[in-house]
Amino acid sequence: MNPHWPRRGLYAITPDEPDTHRLLARVETVLRAGAAWLQYRNKDASDDLRAEQALALQPLCRALQVPLIINDDWALAAAIGADGAHLGEDDGEIALARHELGPDAIVGASCYDDARLARLAVHAGASYVAFGAFFTSPTKPNARRARPELLQETAILGVPRVAIGGITPDNARPLVATGADLLAVISGVFDAPDPAAATRAYLSCFEGS
């Protein structure tokens, strides 16, 4: 992973927004408010729309020096020259993504509620590991629930640990205190009445930690 990328902060994940122009405007607000990383995710989009939107986000992220990570699709990340990809357990091999994207790419792995998956992912070349859901998530209401202690137990892996799932500014501080380096959020930011203020509220959870 590029050593110049931030290793702590808000990891914003895009909503399922069909309008590319509106998506860019929504994302820009959050990035300018201080989000550290951006993951492009759109489960409802066609392959063509996903390629269009990912490509449209690339110059915005470059201009604001925020890494752009593509959800579920390392091939799309490679095709557009994104900064990395995030893979779930059914999205392909971490080692292959690492090989294809190169040594400086950010390759993330969903590890759900399983420290063993995290160890295997890091061994295969993952740049970070993500655990969750820690709380009930409006995006994935049936997601497996993770123990906060996983964040502490996996510090030995030496990579950033991402917490995801129902995280709000009100419940995030204990996760940061336990070891979360990045808070991954979709609805908590993009569905907020004031996404910029919501972003700053998440960032405040890292103060003093």
Protein backbone atom coordinates (compact mmCIF):
# COMPACT_ATOMS: atom_id res chain seq x y z
CA MET A 1 0.00 0.00 0.00
CA ASN A 2 1.24 3.45 -0.88
CA PRO A 3 2.84 4.74 2.34
CA HIS A 4 1.46 8.20 1.69
CA TRP A 5 -2.19 7.11 1.98
CA PRO A 6 -3.78 7.78 5.38
CA ARG A 7 -4.23 4.73 7.56
CA ARG A 8 -6.92 6.12 9.85
CA GLY A 9 -10.20 7.97 9.44
CA LEU A 10 -13.53 7.68 7.66
CA TYR A 11 -13.80 5.12 4.87
CA ALA A 12 -16.76 6.36 2.83
CA ILE A 13 -18.61 3.81 0.71
CA THR A 14 -20.82 5.08 -2.08
CA PRO A 15 -24.60 4.58 -2.06
CA ASP A 16 -26.48 2.89 -4.92
CA GLU A 17 -26.87 6.13 -6.87
CA PRO A 18 -27.99 5.70 -10.51
CA ASP A 19 -27.24 9.29 -11.56
CA THR A 20 -23.51 9.69 -12.15
CA HIS A 21 -23.57 13.48 -11.96
CA ARG A 22 -25.44 13.36 -8.66
CA LEU A 23 -23.08 10.67 -7.37
CA LEU A 24 -20.07 12.88 -8.06
CA ALA A 25 -21.66 15.82 -6.27
CA ARG A 26 -22.57 13.70 -3.24
CA VAL A 27 -19.12 12.15 -3.04
CA GLU A 28 -17.31 15.46 -3.44
CA THR A 29 -19.13 16.88 -0.42
CA VAL A 30 -17.97 13.98 1.76
CA LEU A 31 -14.40 13.95 0.47
CA ARG A 32 -13.98 17.68 0.96
CA ALA A 33 -15.25 17.28 4.53
CA GLY A 34 -12.34 14.96 5.26
CA ALA A 35 -13.09 11.34 4.31
CA ALA A 36 -9.81 9.43 4.11
CA TRP A 37 -10.72 6.69 1.63
CA LEU A 38 -13.53 6.11 -0.87
CA GLN A 39 -14.94 2.78 -1.94
CA TYR A 40 -17.07 2.72 -5.07
CA ARG A 41 -19.95 0.29 -4.56
CA ASN A 42 -23.17 0.10 -6.55
CA LYS A 43 -24.95 -3.23 -6.29
CA ASP A 44 -27.85 -2.09 -8.49
CA ALA A 45 -25.81 -0.83 -11.45
CA SER A 46 -25.13 -2.58 -14.74
CA ASP A 47 -21.53 -3.37 -15.65
CA ASP A 48 -21.51 -0.41 -18.04
CA LEU A 49 -22.81 2.03 -15.43
CA ARG A 50 -20.35 0.76 -12.83
CA ALA A 51 -17.49 1.32 -15.25
CA GLU A 52 -18.81 4.78 -16.11
CA GLN A 53 -19.21 5.82 -12.49
CA ALA A 54 -15.89 4.40 -11.33
CA LEU A 55 -14.10 6.16 -14.14
CA ALA A 56 -15.91 9.42 -13.35
CA LEU A 57 -14.86 9.23 -9.69
CA GLN A 58 -11.20 8.71 -10.53
CA PRO A 59 -10.22 12.33 -11.32
CA LEU A 60 -12.15 13.65 -8.32
CA CYS A 61 -10.35 11.30 -5.97
CA ARG A 62 -7.00 12.10 -7.56
CA ALA A 63 -7.59 15.83 -7.22
CA LEU A 64 -8.46 15.48 -3.53
CA GLN A 65 -5.74 12.86 -2.88
CA VAL A 66 -8.18 10.24 -1.66
CA PRO A 67 -7.60 6.63 -2.72
CA LEU A 68 -10.36 5.12 -4.86
CA ILE A 69 -11.10 1.47 -4.08
CA ILE A 70 -13.47 -0.62 -6.19
CA ASN A 71 -15.85 -3.00 -4.43
CA ASP A 72 -15.95 -6.66 -5.52
CA ASP A 73 -14.13 -6.18 -8.83
CA TRP A 74 -10.33 -6.07 -9.05
CA ALA A 75 -10.55 -6.31 -12.86
CA LEU A 76 -12.48 -3.03 -13.04
CA ALA A 77 -9.99 -1.47 -10.64
CA ALA A 78 -7.15 -2.57 -12.91
CA ALA A 79 -8.94 -1.38 -16.04
CA ILE A 80 -9.42 2.18 -14.83
CA GLY A 81 -6.23 2.46 -12.81
CA ALA A 82 -8.00 2.76 -9.45
CA ASP A 83 -5.94 2.65 -6.27
CA GLY A 84 -7.26 -0.72 -5.21
CA ALA A 85 -10.09 -3.18 -4.74
CA HIS A 86 -12.10 -4.62 -1.88
CA LEU A 87 -13.04 -8.29 -2.02
CA GLY A 88 -15.62 -10.28 -0.11
CA GLU A 89 -15.39 -14.02 0.36
CA ASP A 90 -17.01 -14.70 -3.03
CA ASP A 91 -15.20 -12.05 -5.08
CA GLY A 92 -12.02 -13.86 -6.05
CA GLU A 93 -8.62 -14.55 -4.59
CA ILE A 94 -6.70 -11.92 -2.67
CA ALA A 95 -3.40 -13.22 -4.03
CA LEU A 96 -4.60 -12.88 -7.62
CA ALA A 97 -5.87 -9.35 -7.03
CA ARG A 98 -2.54 -8.43 -5.45
CA HIS A 99 -0.64 -9.89 -8.40
CA GLU A 100 -2.76 -8.10 -10.98
CA LEU A 101 -2.99 -4.73 -9.21
CA GLY A 102 0.65 -4.55 -8.14
CA PRO A 103 2.53 -4.03 -4.90
CA ASP A 104 1.34 -0.48 -4.19
CA ALA A 105 -2.39 -1.14 -4.61
CA ILE A 106 -4.79 -1.22 -1.70
CA VAL A 107 -6.32 -4.69 -1.54
CA GLY A 108 -8.98 -5.07 1.14
CA ALA A 109 -10.63 -8.19 2.47
CA SER A 110 -13.96 -8.69 4.19
CA CYS A 111 -13.32 -10.93 7.19
CA TYR A 112 -16.77 -10.64 8.79
CA ASP A 113 -16.50 -12.15 12.28
CA ASP A 114 -13.45 -14.34 11.70
CA ALA A 115 -9.87 -13.63 12.77
CA ARG A 116 -8.71 -16.69 10.83
CA LEU A 117 -9.96 -15.17 7.58
CA ALA A 118 -8.00 -12.03 8.41
CA ARG A 119 -4.78 -13.97 8.94
CA LEU A 120 -5.23 -15.81 5.65
CA ALA A 121 -6.02 -12.57 3.81
CA VAL A 122 -2.92 -10.79 5.09
CA HIS A 123 -0.80 -13.81 4.21
CA ALA A 124 -2.22 -13.64 0.67
CA GLY A 125 -1.39 -9.95 0.33
CA ALA A 126 -4.26 -7.95 1.78
CA SER A 127 -3.50 -4.34 2.68
CA TYR A 128 -6.27 -4.16 5.26
CA VAL A 129 -8.90 -6.35 6.85
CA ALA A 130 -12.53 -5.42 7.48
CA PHE A 131 -14.71 -6.78 10.25
CA GLY A 132 -18.44 -6.44 10.79
CA ALA A 133 -21.26 -5.91 11.06
CA PHE A 134 -20.70 -4.58 14.54
CA PHE A 135 -24.24 -3.21 14.78
CA THR A 136 -27.48 -3.68 12.86
CA SER A 137 -26.84 -2.35 9.37
CA PRO A 138 -29.54 -0.83 7.14
CA THR A 139 -27.47 -1.89 4.11
CA LYS A 140 -27.05 -5.52 5.21
CA PRO A 141 -29.62 -6.23 7.93
CA ASN A 142 -28.79 -9.96 8.02
CA ALA A 143 -25.01 -9.56 8.13
CA ARG A 144 -22.95 -11.65 10.53
CA ARG A 145 -22.21 -9.83 13.78
CA ALA A 146 -18.61 -9.26 14.84
CA ARG A 147 -17.15 -8.88 18.33
CA PRO A 148 -15.29 -5.60 19.01
CA GLU A 149 -12.48 -7.68 20.54
CA LEU A 150 -11.59 -8.88 17.03
CA LEU A 151 -10.11 -5.45 16.35
CA GLN A 152 -7.74 -5.80 19.27
CA GLU A 153 -6.93 -9.45 18.63
CA THR A 154 -5.84 -8.77 15.04
CA ALA A 155 -3.55 -5.82 15.77
CA ILE A 156 -0.68 -8.28 15.48
CA LEU A 157 -1.34 -8.57 11.73
CA GLY A 158 0.18 -5.13 11.21
CA VAL A 159 -2.41 -3.82 8.71
CA PRO A 160 -5.22 -1.31 9.15
CA ARG A 161 -8.41 -2.77 10.61
CA VAL A 162 -11.70 -1.52 9.23
CA ALA A 163 -14.95 -1.60 11.19
CA ILE A 164 -18.23 -1.71 9.28
CA GLY A 165 -21.91 -2.24 9.90
CA GLY A 166 -24.38 0.14 11.50
CA ILE A 167 -21.66 2.46 12.77
CA THR A 168 -22.73 5.94 13.90
CA PRO A 169 -20.84 8.78 15.56
CA ASP A 170 -22.58 7.73 18.80
CA ASN A 171 -21.37 4.13 18.82
CA ALA A 172 -18.04 4.45 17.01
CA ARG A 173 -15.72 5.62 19.79
CA PRO A 174 -15.48 2.24 21.57
CA LEU A 175 -14.55 0.62 18.23
CA VAL A 176 -11.79 3.16 17.67
CA ALA A 177 -10.59 2.64 21.23
CA THR A 178 -10.52 -1.12 20.66
CA GLY A 179 -8.46 -0.78 17.50
CA ALA A 180 -10.51 0.31 14.49
CA ASP A 181 -8.26 2.33 12.19
CA LEU A 182 -10.99 3.14 9.68
CA LEU A 183 -14.76 3.43 10.06
CA ALA A 184 -16.55 2.26 6.90
CA VAL A 185 -19.89 3.97 6.42
CA ILE A 186 -22.55 4.27 3.73
CA SER A 187 -25.93 5.45 5.01
CA GLY A 188 -24.54 7.17 8.09
CA VAL A 189 -22.91 9.69 5.79
CA PHE A 190 -24.77 9.70 2.49
CA ASP A 191 -28.28 9.50 3.98
CA ALA A 192 -27.56 12.15 6.62
CA PRO A 193 -29.34 15.51 6.35
CA ASP A 194 -25.90 17.16 6.22
CA PRO A 195 -23.30 14.68 4.86
CA ALA A 196 -20.40 17.06 5.50
CA ALA A 197 -21.38 17.50 9.14
CA ALA A 198 -21.84 13.75 9.48
CA THR A 199 -18.36 13.19 8.07
CA ARG A 200 -16.86 15.57 10.60
CA ALA A 201 -18.79 13.83 13.40
CA TYR A 202 -17.22 10.50 12.47
CA LEU A 203 -13.79 12.09 12.30
CA SER A 204 -14.24 13.48 15.80
CA CYS A 205 -14.34 9.88 17.06
CA PHE A 206 -10.59 9.64 16.38
CA GLU A 207 -9.69 12.70 18.42
CA GLY A 208 -7.53 11.82 21.36
CA SER A 209 -7.16 8.21 20.27
